[in-house]
Amino acid sequence: ARETIKILASLDIVDVAQGRRVVVRPRDEWDYLSPQLLEWLPDE
């Protein structure tokens, strides 16, 4: 679970906020140049 959150954070999908709360970042800020993220996104 910890490694999962690290992966999501490395792609700018989530932030681990104060108090260990995990929040979703705005979609415009995700790392769309990552081949890993590209593979997970829907075709549209």
All heavy atoms as atom14 arrays in JSON, in Angstrom:
{
  "sequence": "ARETIKILASLDIVDVAQGRRVVVRPRDEWDYLSPQLLEWLPDE",
  "atom14_mask": [
    [1, 1, 1, 1, 1, 0, 0, 0, 0, 0, 0, 0, 0, 0],
    [1, 1, 1, 1, 1, 1, 1, 1, 1, 1, 1, 0, 0, 0],
    [1, 1, 1, 1, 1, 1, 1, 1, 1, 0, 0, 0, 0, 0],
    [1, 1, 1, 1, 1, 1, 1, 0, 0, 0, 0, 0, 0, 0],
    [1, 1, 1, 1, 1, 1, 1, 1, 0, 0, 0, 0, 0, 0],
    [1, 1, 1, 1, 1, 1, 1, 1, 1, 0, 0, 0, 0, 0],
    [1, 1, 1, 1, 1, 1, 1, 1, 0, 0, 0, 0, 0, 0],
    [1, 1, 1, 1, 1, 1, 1, 1, 0, 0, 0, 0, 0, 0],
    [1, 1, 1, 1, 1, 0, 0, 0, 0, 0, 0, 0, 0, 0],
    [1, 1, 1, 1, 1, 1, 0, 0, 0, 0, 0, 0, 0, 0],
    [1, 1, 1, 1, 1, 1, 1, 1, 0, 0, 0, 0, 0, 0],
    [1, 1, 1, 1, 1, 1, 1, 1, 0, 0, 0, 0, 0, 0],
    [1, 1, 1, 1, 1, 1, 1, 1, 0, 0, 0, 0, 0, 0],
    [1, 1, 1, 1, 1, 1, 1, 0, 0, 0, 0, 0, 0, 0],
    [1, 1, 1, 1, 1, 1, 1, 1, 0, 0, 0, 0, 0, 0],
    [1, 1, 1, 1, 1, 1, 1, 0, 0, 0, 0, 0, 0, 0],
    [1, 1, 1, 1, 1, 0, 0, 0, 0, 0, 0, 0, 0, 0],
    [1, 1, 1, 1, 1, 1, 1, 1, 1, 0, 0, 0, 0, 0],
    [1, 1, 1, 1, 0, 0, 0, 0, 0, 0, 0, 0, 0, 0],
    [1, 1, 1, 1, 1, 1, 1, 1, 1, 1, 1, 0, 0, 0],
    [1, 1, 1, 1, 1, 1, 1, 1, 1, 1, 1, 0, 0, 0],
    [1, 1, 1, 1, 1, 1, 1, 0, 0, 0, 0, 0, 0, 0],
    [1, 1, 1, 1, 1, 1, 1, 0, 0, 0, 0, 0, 0, 0],
    [1, 1, 1, 1, 1, 1, 1, 0, 0, 0, 0, 0, 0, 0],
    [1, 1, 1, 1, 1, 1, 1, 1, 1, 1, 1, 0, 0, 0],
    [1, 1, 1, 1, 1, 1, 1, 0, 0, 0, 0, 0, 0, 0],
    [1, 1, 1, 1, 1, 1, 1, 1, 1, 1, 1, 0, 0, 0],
    [1, 1, 1, 1, 1, 1, 1, 1, 0, 0, 0, 0, 0, 0],
    [1, 1, 1, 1, 1, 1, 1, 1, 1, 0, 0, 0, 0, 0],
    [1, 1, 1, 1, 1, 1, 1, 1, 1, 1, 1, 1, 1, 1],
    [1, 1, 1, 1, 1, 1, 1, 1, 0, 0, 0, 0, 0, 0],
    [1, 1, 1, 1, 1, 1, 1, 1, 1, 1, 1, 1, 0, 0],
    [1, 1, 1, 1, 1, 1, 1, 1, 0, 0, 0, 0, 0, 0],
    [1, 1, 1, 1, 1, 1, 0, 0, 0, 0, 0, 0, 0, 0],
    [1, 1, 1, 1, 1, 1, 1, 0, 0, 0, 0, 0, 0, 0],
    [1, 1, 1, 1, 1, 1, 1, 1, 1, 0, 0, 0, 0, 0],
    [1, 1, 1, 1, 1, 1, 1, 1, 0, 0, 0, 0, 0, 0],
    [1, 1, 1, 1, 1, 1, 1, 1, 0, 0, 0, 0, 0, 0],
    [1, 1, 1, 1, 1, 1, 1, 1, 1, 0, 0, 0, 0, 0],
    [1, 1, 1, 1, 1, 1, 1, 1, 1, 1, 1, 1, 1, 1],
    [1, 1, 1, 1, 1, 1, 1, 1, 0, 0, 0, 0, 0, 0],
    [1, 1, 1, 1, 1, 1, 1, 0, 0, 0, 0, 0, 0, 0],
    [1, 1, 1, 1, 1, 1, 1, 1, 0, 0, 0, 0, 0, 0],
    [1, 1, 1, 1, 1, 1, 1, 1, 1, 0, 0, 0, 0, 0]
  ],
  "atom14_positions": [
    [[0.83, -1.21, 0.0], [0.0, 0.0, 0.0], [0.86, 1.26, 0.0], [0.59, 2.23, -0.72], [-0.93, -0.01, 1.21], [0.0, 0.0, 0.0], [0.0, 0.0, 0.0], [0.0, 0.0, 0.0], [0.0, 0.0, 0.0], [0.0, 0.0, 0.0], [0.0, 0.0, 0.0], [0.0, 0.0, 0.0], [0.0, 0.0, 0.0], [0.0, 0.0, 0.0]],
    [[1.94, 1.24, 0.8], [2.84, 2.4, 0.87], [3.52, 2.64, -0.48], [3.63, 3.77, -0.95], [3.87, 2.17, 1.98], [4.68, 3.41, 2.33], [5.53, 3.17, 3.57], [4.71, 2.74, 4.69], [4.82, 1.57, 5.32], [5.72, 0.69, 4.93], [4.04, 1.27, 6.33], [0.0, 0.0, 0.0], [0.0, 0.0, 0.0], [0.0, 0.0, 0.0]],
    [[3.97, 1.56, -1.12], [4.62, 1.69, -2.43], [3.62, 2.17, -3.48], [3.98, 2.93, -4.39], [5.23, 0.35, -2.85], [6.48, -0.02, -2.08], [7.58, 1.03, -2.23], [7.86, 1.46, -3.37], [8.13, 1.45, -1.19], [0.0, 0.0, 0.0], [0.0, 0.0, 0.0], [0.0, 0.0, 0.0], [0.0, 0.0, 0.0], [0.0, 0.0, 0.0]],
    [[2.38, 1.72, -3.37], [1.34, 2.17, -4.3], [1.17, 3.68, -4.23], [1.11, 4.37, -5.26], [0.0, 1.48, -3.97], [0.14, 0.07, -4.17], [-1.12, 2.01, -4.83], [0.0, 0.0, 0.0], [0.0, 0.0, 0.0], [0.0, 0.0, 0.0], [0.0, 0.0, 0.0], [0.0, 0.0, 0.0], [0.0, 0.0, 0.0], [0.0, 0.0, 0.0]],
    [[1.08, 4.2, -3.02], [0.91, 5.64, -2.85], [2.14, 6.39, -3.37], [2.02, 7.46, -3.99], [0.62, 5.98, -1.37], [-0.75, 5.45, -0.99], [0.7, 7.48, -1.13], [-1.08, 5.55, 0.48], [0.0, 0.0, 0.0], [0.0, 0.0, 0.0], [0.0, 0.0, 0.0], [0.0, 0.0, 0.0], [0.0, 0.0, 0.0], [0.0, 0.0, 0.0]],
    [[3.33, 5.83, -3.17], [4.54, 6.46, -3.7], [4.5, 6.54, -5.22], [4.91, 7.54, -5.82], [5.78, 5.68, -3.25], [6.17, 5.89, -1.79], [7.44, 5.11, -1.46], [7.85, 5.29, -0.01], [9.06, 4.49, 0.32], [0.0, 0.0, 0.0], [0.0, 0.0, 0.0], [0.0, 0.0, 0.0], [0.0, 0.0, 0.0], [0.0, 0.0, 0.0]],
    [[4.02, 5.48, -5.87], [3.91, 5.48, -7.33], [2.94, 6.57, -7.78], [3.24, 7.36, -8.7], [3.46, 4.1, -7.84], [4.56, 3.06, -7.61], [3.08, 4.17, -9.32], [4.11, 1.63, -7.85], [0.0, 0.0, 0.0], [0.0, 0.0, 0.0], [0.0, 0.0, 0.0], [0.0, 0.0, 0.0], [0.0, 0.0, 0.0], [0.0, 0.0, 0.0]],
    [[1.79, 6.64, -7.15], [0.8, 7.65, -7.51], [1.34, 9.06, -7.28], [1.11, 9.96, -8.09], [-0.49, 7.43, -6.72], [-1.26, 6.14, -7.03], [-2.46, 6.01, -6.09], [-1.71, 6.1, -8.48], [0.0, 0.0, 0.0], [0.0, 0.0, 0.0], [0.0, 0.0, 0.0], [0.0, 0.0, 0.0], [0.0, 0.0, 0.0], [0.0, 0.0, 0.0]],
    [[2.07, 9.24, -6.19], [2.65, 10.56, -5.91], [3.73, 10.91, -6.93], [3.85, 12.07, -7.34], [3.23, 10.58, -4.5], [0.0, 0.0, 0.0], [0.0, 0.0, 0.0], [0.0, 0.0, 0.0], [0.0, 0.0, 0.0], [0.0, 0.0, 0.0], [0.0, 0.0, 0.0], [0.0, 0.0, 0.0], [0.0, 0.0, 0.0], [0.0, 0.0, 0.0]],
    [[4.51, 9.91, -7.37], [5.57, 10.18, -8.35], [5.0, 10.61, -9.69], [5.67, 11.29, -10.48], [6.44, 8.94, -8.53], [5.78, 7.93, -9.28], [0.0, 0.0, 0.0], [0.0, 0.0, 0.0], [0.0, 0.0, 0.0], [0.0, 0.0, 0.0], [0.0, 0.0, 0.0], [0.0, 0.0, 0.0], [0.0, 0.0, 0.0], [0.0, 0.0, 0.0]],
    [[3.76, 10.25, -9.97], [3.08, 10.64, -11.2], [2.22, 11.89, -11.01], [1.48, 12.27, -11.92], [2.21, 9.49, -11.7], [2.96, 8.21, -12.09], [1.99, 7.07, -12.36], [3.84, 8.44, -13.3], [0.0, 0.0, 0.0], [0.0, 0.0, 0.0], [0.0, 0.0, 0.0], [0.0, 0.0, 0.0], [0.0, 0.0, 0.0], [0.0, 0.0, 0.0]],
    [[2.34, 12.51, -9.84], [1.59, 13.73, -9.51], [0.08, 13.5, -9.51], [-0.69, 14.44, -9.7], [1.94, 14.88, -10.48], [3.4, 15.28, -10.38], [3.95, 15.22, -9.27], [4.0, 15.64, -11.42], [0.0, 0.0, 0.0], [0.0, 0.0, 0.0], [0.0, 0.0, 0.0], [0.0, 0.0, 0.0], [0.0, 0.0, 0.0], [0.0, 0.0, 0.0]],
    [[-0.33, 12.27, -9.27], [-1.76, 11.96, -9.2], [-2.31, 12.27, -7.81], [-3.44, 12.74, -7.67], [-2.02, 10.49, -9.56], [-1.59, 10.23, -11.02], [-3.48, 10.11, -9.36], [-1.62, 8.76, -11.42], [0.0, 0.0, 0.0], [0.0, 0.0, 0.0], [0.0, 0.0, 0.0], [0.0, 0.0, 0.0], [0.0, 0.0, 0.0], [0.0, 0.0, 0.0]],
    [[-1.5, 12.02, -6.77], [-1.93, 12.3, -5.4], [-0.82, 13.05, -4.66], [0.34, 13.04, -5.06], [-2.27, 11.01, -4.62], [-3.35, 10.22, -5.33], [-1.03, 10.16, -4.38], [0.0, 0.0, 0.0], [0.0, 0.0, 0.0], [0.0, 0.0, 0.0], [0.0, 0.0, 0.0], [0.0, 0.0, 0.0], [0.0, 0.0, 0.0], [0.0, 0.0, 0.0]],
    [[-1.23, 13.7, -3.6], [-0.32, 14.28, -2.62], [-0.61, 13.63, -1.27], [-1.78, 13.34, -0.95], [-0.53, 15.79, -2.48], [0.35, 16.58, -3.42], [1.42, 16.07, -3.8], [-0.05, 17.7, -3.78], [0.0, 0.0, 0.0], [0.0, 0.0, 0.0], [0.0, 0.0, 0.0], [0.0, 0.0, 0.0], [0.0, 0.0, 0.0], [0.0, 0.0, 0.0]],
    [[0.44, 13.42, -0.5], [0.25, 12.97, 0.87], [0.3, 14.2, 1.75], [1.37, 14.78, 1.98], [1.32, 11.94, 1.29], [1.05, 11.46, 2.71], [1.34, 10.77, 0.33], [0.0, 0.0, 0.0], [0.0, 0.0, 0.0], [0.0, 0.0, 0.0], [0.0, 0.0, 0.0], [0.0, 0.0, 0.0], [0.0, 0.0, 0.0], [0.0, 0.0, 0.0]],
    [[-0.87, 14.64, 2.19], [-0.98, 15.89, 2.93], [-0.61, 15.68, 4.4], [-0.36, 14.56, 4.85], [-2.39, 16.44, 2.81], [0.0, 0.0, 0.0], [0.0, 0.0, 0.0], [0.0, 0.0, 0.0], [0.0, 0.0, 0.0], [0.0, 0.0, 0.0], [0.0, 0.0, 0.0], [0.0, 0.0, 0.0], [0.0, 0.0, 0.0], [0.0, 0.0, 0.0]],
    [[-0.59, 16.78, 5.12], [-0.26, 16.74, 6.55], [-1.23, 15.8, 7.27], [-2.42, 15.78, 7.0], [-0.37, 18.14, 7.14], [0.18, 18.25, 8.55], [0.2, 19.69, 9.03], [-0.42, 20.55, 8.43], [0.92, 19.95, 10.1], [0.0, 0.0, 0.0], [0.0, 0.0, 0.0], [0.0, 0.0, 0.0], [0.0, 0.0, 0.0], [0.0, 0.0, 0.0]],
    [[-0.7, 14.99, 8.17], [-1.51, 14.02, 8.88], [-1.71, 12.75, 8.09], [-2.57, 11.94, 8.43], [0.0, 0.0, 0.0], [0.0, 0.0, 0.0], [0.0, 0.0, 0.0], [0.0, 0.0, 0.0], [0.0, 0.0, 0.0], [0.0, 0.0, 0.0], [0.0, 0.0, 0.0], [0.0, 0.0, 0.0], [0.0, 0.0, 0.0], [0.0, 0.0, 0.0]],
    [[-0.89, 12.57, 7.0], [-0.9, 11.35, 6.18], [-2.18, 11.2, 5.37], [-2.5, 10.13, 4.88], [-0.69, 10.09, 7.03], [0.5, 10.14, 7.96], [1.79, 10.25, 7.2], [2.08, 9.07, 6.41], [3.08, 8.97, 5.54], [3.85, 10.02, 5.33], [3.28, 7.86, 4.88], [0.0, 0.0, 0.0], [0.0, 0.0, 0.0], [0.0, 0.0, 0.0]],
    [[-2.94, 12.27, 5.2], [-4.15, 12.2, 4.38], [-3.74, 12.25, 2.91], [-2.96, 13.11, 2.49], [-5.08, 13.37, 4.72], [-6.42, 13.33, 4.01], [-7.35, 14.4, 4.58], [-8.66, 14.35, 3.94], [-8.98, 15.07, 2.87], [-8.09, 15.89, 2.34], [-10.2, 14.99, 2.35], [0.0, 0.0, 0.0], [0.0, 0.0, 0.0], [0.0, 0.0, 0.0]],
    [[-4.26, 11.32, 2.11], [-3.91, 11.24, 0.69], [-5.0, 11.93, -0.12], [-6.17, 11.56, -0.04], [-3.77, 9.77, 0.24], [-3.29, 9.71, -1.2], [-2.82, 9.02, 1.16], [0.0, 0.0, 0.0], [0.0, 0.0, 0.0], [0.0, 0.0, 0.0], [0.0, 0.0, 0.0], [0.0, 0.0, 0.0], [0.0, 0.0, 0.0], [0.0, 0.0, 0.0]],
    [[-4.6, 12.95, -0.87], [-5.58, 13.72, -1.65], [-5.25, 13.63, -3.13], [-4.08, 13.54, -3.53], [-5.61, 15.2, -1.2], [-6.09, 15.32, 0.23], [-4.24, 15.85, -1.36], [0.0, 0.0, 0.0], [0.0, 0.0, 0.0], [0.0, 0.0, 0.0], [0.0, 0.0, 0.0], [0.0, 0.0, 0.0], [0.0, 0.0, 0.0], [0.0, 0.0, 0.0]],
    [[-6.28, 13.66, -3.95], [-6.12, 13.61, -5.4], [-5.75, 15.0, -5.91], [-6.4, 16.0, -5.58], [-7.42, 13.13, -6.08], [-7.27, 13.13, -7.59], [-7.8, 11.75, -5.57], [0.0, 0.0, 0.0], [0.0, 0.0, 0.0], [0.0, 0.0, 0.0], [0.0, 0.0, 0.0], [0.0, 0.0, 0.0], [0.0, 0.0, 0.0], [0.0, 0.0, 0.0]],
    [[-4.71, 15.07, -6.73], [-4.3, 16.33, -7.33], [-5.18, 16.64, -8.55], [-5.76, 15.73, -9.16], [-2.84, 16.26, -7.79], [-1.84, 16.23, -6.64], [-0.46, 15.94, -7.17], [-0.01, 16.95, -8.12], [0.76, 18.0, -7.82], [1.17, 18.15, -6.57], [1.12, 18.86, -8.73], [0.0, 0.0, 0.0], [0.0, 0.0, 0.0], [0.0, 0.0, 0.0]],
    [[-5.28, 17.92, -8.92], [-6.04, 18.26, -10.14], [-5.5, 17.52, -11.35], [-4.29, 17.37, -11.51], [-5.81, 19.78, -10.27], [-5.48, 20.25, -8.88], [-4.75, 19.11, -8.24], [0.0, 0.0, 0.0], [0.0, 0.0, 0.0], [0.0, 0.0, 0.0], [0.0, 0.0, 0.0], [0.0, 0.0, 0.0], [0.0, 0.0, 0.0], [0.0, 0.0, 0.0]],
    [[-6.37, 17.06, -12.21], [-5.94, 16.25, -13.36], [-4.97, 16.99, -14.28], [-4.13, 16.37, -14.91], [-7.16, 15.81, -14.17], [-7.92, 14.68, -13.54], [-8.72, 13.97, -14.61], [-9.91, 13.34, -14.05], [-10.81, 12.71, -14.77], [-10.69, 12.65, -16.07], [-11.85, 12.15, -14.19], [0.0, 0.0, 0.0], [0.0, 0.0, 0.0], [0.0, 0.0, 0.0]],
    [[-5.12, 18.3, -14.38], [-4.23, 19.07, -15.26], [-2.78, 18.99, -14.8], [-1.87, 19.32, -15.59], [-4.66, 20.55, -15.31], [-5.95, 20.74, -16.08], [-6.38, 19.79, -16.76], [-6.52, 21.85, -16.01], [0.0, 0.0, 0.0], [0.0, 0.0, 0.0], [0.0, 0.0, 0.0], [0.0, 0.0, 0.0], [0.0, 0.0, 0.0], [0.0, 0.0, 0.0]],
    [[-2.54, 18.59, -13.56], [-1.18, 18.56, -13.01], [-0.54, 17.17, -13.05], [0.59, 17.0, -12.61], [-1.2, 19.08, -11.57], [-1.69, 20.53, -11.46], [-1.8, 21.01, -10.02], [-1.45, 20.23, -9.1], [-2.25, 22.15, -9.82], [0.0, 0.0, 0.0], [0.0, 0.0, 0.0], [0.0, 0.0, 0.0], [0.0, 0.0, 0.0], [0.0, 0.0, 0.0]],
    [[-1.23, 16.18, -13.59], [-0.66, 14.83, -13.63], [0.5, 14.77, -14.63], [0.59, 15.59, -15.56], [-1.72, 13.82, -14.03], [-2.82, 13.65, -13.0], [-3.01, 14.37, -11.85], [-3.9, 12.71, -13.06], [-4.12, 13.94, -11.19], [-4.7, 12.92, -11.91], [-4.26, 11.73, -13.95], [-5.84, 12.17, -11.64], [-5.39, 10.97, -13.71], [-6.17, 11.2, -12.55]],
    [[1.36, 13.79, -14.45], [2.54, 13.65, -15.32], [2.17, 12.87, -16.58], [2.4, 11.67, -16.69], [3.67, 12.93, -14.56], [4.93, 12.81, -15.4], [4.98, 13.41, -16.49], [5.85, 12.1, -14.98], [0.0, 0.0, 0.0], [0.0, 0.0, 0.0], [0.0, 0.0, 0.0], [0.0, 0.0, 0.0], [0.0, 0.0, 0.0], [0.0, 0.0, 0.0]],
    [[1.62, 13.6, -17.55], [1.15, 12.95, -18.77], [2.28, 12.54, -19.7], [2.01, 11.91, -20.73], [0.16, 13.86, -19.5], [-1.13, 14.05, -18.74], [-1.45, 15.27, -18.16], [-2.01, 12.98, -18.59], [-2.64, 15.42, -17.45], [-3.2, 13.13, -17.89], [-3.51, 14.35, -17.32], [-4.67, 14.5, -16.61], [0.0, 0.0, 0.0], [0.0, 0.0, 0.0]],
    [[3.51, 12.85, -19.38], [4.62, 12.39, -20.19], [5.13, 11.02, -19.73], [6.05, 10.47, -20.34], [5.77, 13.4, -20.14], [5.46, 14.77, -20.76], [6.67, 15.68, -20.67], [5.02, 14.63, -22.2], [0.0, 0.0, 0.0], [0.0, 0.0, 0.0], [0.0, 0.0, 0.0], [0.0, 0.0, 0.0], [0.0, 0.0, 0.0], [0.0, 0.0, 0.0]],
    [[4.54, 10.48, -18.68], [4.95, 9.17, -18.17], [4.33, 8.05, -19.01], [3.1, 8.01, -19.17], [4.53, 9.0, -16.71], [4.6, 7.63, -16.34], [0.0, 0.0, 0.0], [0.0, 0.0, 0.0], [0.0, 0.0, 0.0], [0.0, 0.0, 0.0], [0.0, 0.0, 0.0], [0.0, 0.0, 0.0], [0.0, 0.0, 0.0], [0.0, 0.0, 0.0]],
    [[5.14, 7.13, -19.53], [4.56, 6.0, -20.28], [3.69, 5.12, -19.4], [2.74, 4.5, -19.87], [5.79, 5.25, -20.79], [6.9, 5.63, -19.87], [6.61, 7.05, -19.46], [0.0, 0.0, 0.0], [0.0, 0.0, 0.0], [0.0, 0.0, 0.0], [0.0, 0.0, 0.0], [0.0, 0.0, 0.0], [0.0, 0.0, 0.0], [0.0, 0.0, 0.0]],
    [[4.01, 5.06, -18.11], [3.21, 4.25, -17.19], [1.8, 4.8, -17.07], [0.82, 4.07, -17.19], [3.9, 4.21, -15.83], [3.35, 3.18, -14.88], [4.26, 3.01, -13.67], [4.55, 3.96, -12.95], [4.73, 1.79, -13.47], [0.0, 0.0, 0.0], [0.0, 0.0, 0.0], [0.0, 0.0, 0.0], [0.0, 0.0, 0.0], [0.0, 0.0, 0.0]],
    [[1.69, 6.11, -16.87], [0.37, 6.72, -16.75], [-0.4, 6.59, -18.05], [-1.6, 6.29, -18.06], [0.5, 8.2, -16.35], [-0.8, 8.99, -16.26], [-1.78, 8.34, -15.29], [-0.51, 10.43, -15.84], [0.0, 0.0, 0.0], [0.0, 0.0, 0.0], [0.0, 0.0, 0.0], [0.0, 0.0, 0.0], [0.0, 0.0, 0.0], [0.0, 0.0, 0.0]],
    [[0.28, 6.8, -19.16], [-0.38, 6.7, -20.47], [-1.05, 5.35, -20.65], [-2.15, 5.24, -21.19], [0.66, 6.94, -21.57], [0.13, 7.01, -23.0], [-0.74, 8.24, -23.18], [1.29, 7.03, -23.98], [0.0, 0.0, 0.0], [0.0, 0.0, 0.0], [0.0, 0.0, 0.0], [0.0, 0.0, 0.0], [0.0, 0.0, 0.0], [0.0, 0.0, 0.0]],
    [[-0.41, 4.3, -20.16], [-0.93, 2.94, -20.29], [-2.21, 2.74, -19.48], [-3.05, 1.92, -19.83], [0.14, 1.95, -19.84], [-0.22, 0.49, -20.03], [0.87, -0.42, -19.5], [2.03, 0.03, -19.37], [0.55, -1.57, -19.18], [0.0, 0.0, 0.0], [0.0, 0.0, 0.0], [0.0, 0.0, 0.0], [0.0, 0.0, 0.0], [0.0, 0.0, 0.0]],
    [[-2.37, 3.5, -18.39], [-3.5, 3.29, -17.5], [-4.74, 4.1, -17.88], [-5.82, 3.84, -17.37], [-3.12, 3.67, -16.07], [-1.99, 2.89, -15.5], [-1.48, 1.7, -15.97], [-1.21, 3.22, -14.34], [-0.43, 1.29, -15.19], [-0.24, 2.21, -14.18], [-1.23, 4.29, -13.45], [0.69, 2.23, -13.14], [-0.31, 4.31, -12.41], [0.64, 3.3, -12.27]],
    [[-4.58, 5.1, -18.72], [-5.68, 6.02, -19.0], [-6.64, 5.44, -20.03], [-6.24, 4.68, -20.91], [-5.12, 7.36, -19.5], [-4.25, 8.14, -18.53], [-3.68, 9.38, -19.19], [-5.03, 8.51, -17.26], [0.0, 0.0, 0.0], [0.0, 0.0, 0.0], [0.0, 0.0, 0.0], [0.0, 0.0, 0.0], [0.0, 0.0, 0.0], [0.0, 0.0, 0.0]],
    [[-7.91, 5.82, -19.95], [-8.88, 5.34, -20.95], [-8.57, 5.93, -22.33], [-7.98, 7.01, -22.44], [-10.22, 5.84, -20.41], [-9.88, 7.0, -19.53], [-8.53, 6.69, -18.94], [0.0, 0.0, 0.0], [0.0, 0.0, 0.0], [0.0, 0.0, 0.0], [0.0, 0.0, 0.0], [0.0, 0.0, 0.0], [0.0, 0.0, 0.0], [0.0, 0.0, 0.0]],
    [[-9.0, 5.23, -23.37], [-8.66, 5.63, -24.73], [-9.12, 7.05, -25.06], [-8.41, 7.79, -25.74], [-9.28, 4.65, -25.74], [-8.51, 3.34, -25.82], [-7.39, 3.27, -25.27], [-9.01, 2.39, -26.45], [0.0, 0.0, 0.0], [0.0, 0.0, 0.0], [0.0, 0.0, 0.0], [0.0, 0.0, 0.0], [0.0, 0.0, 0.0], [0.0, 0.0, 0.0]],
    [[-10.3, 7.44, -24.58], [-10.79, 8.76, -24.93], [-9.9, 9.87, -24.36], [-9.71, 10.92, -25.0], [-12.24, 8.96, -24.49], [-12.49, 8.83, -22.99], [-12.81, 7.4, -22.56], [-12.5, 6.46, -23.31], [-13.37, 7.24, -21.45], [0.0, 0.0, 0.0], [0.0, 0.0, 0.0], [0.0, 0.0, 0.0], [0.0, 0.0, 0.0], [0.0, 0.0, 0.0]]
  ]
}
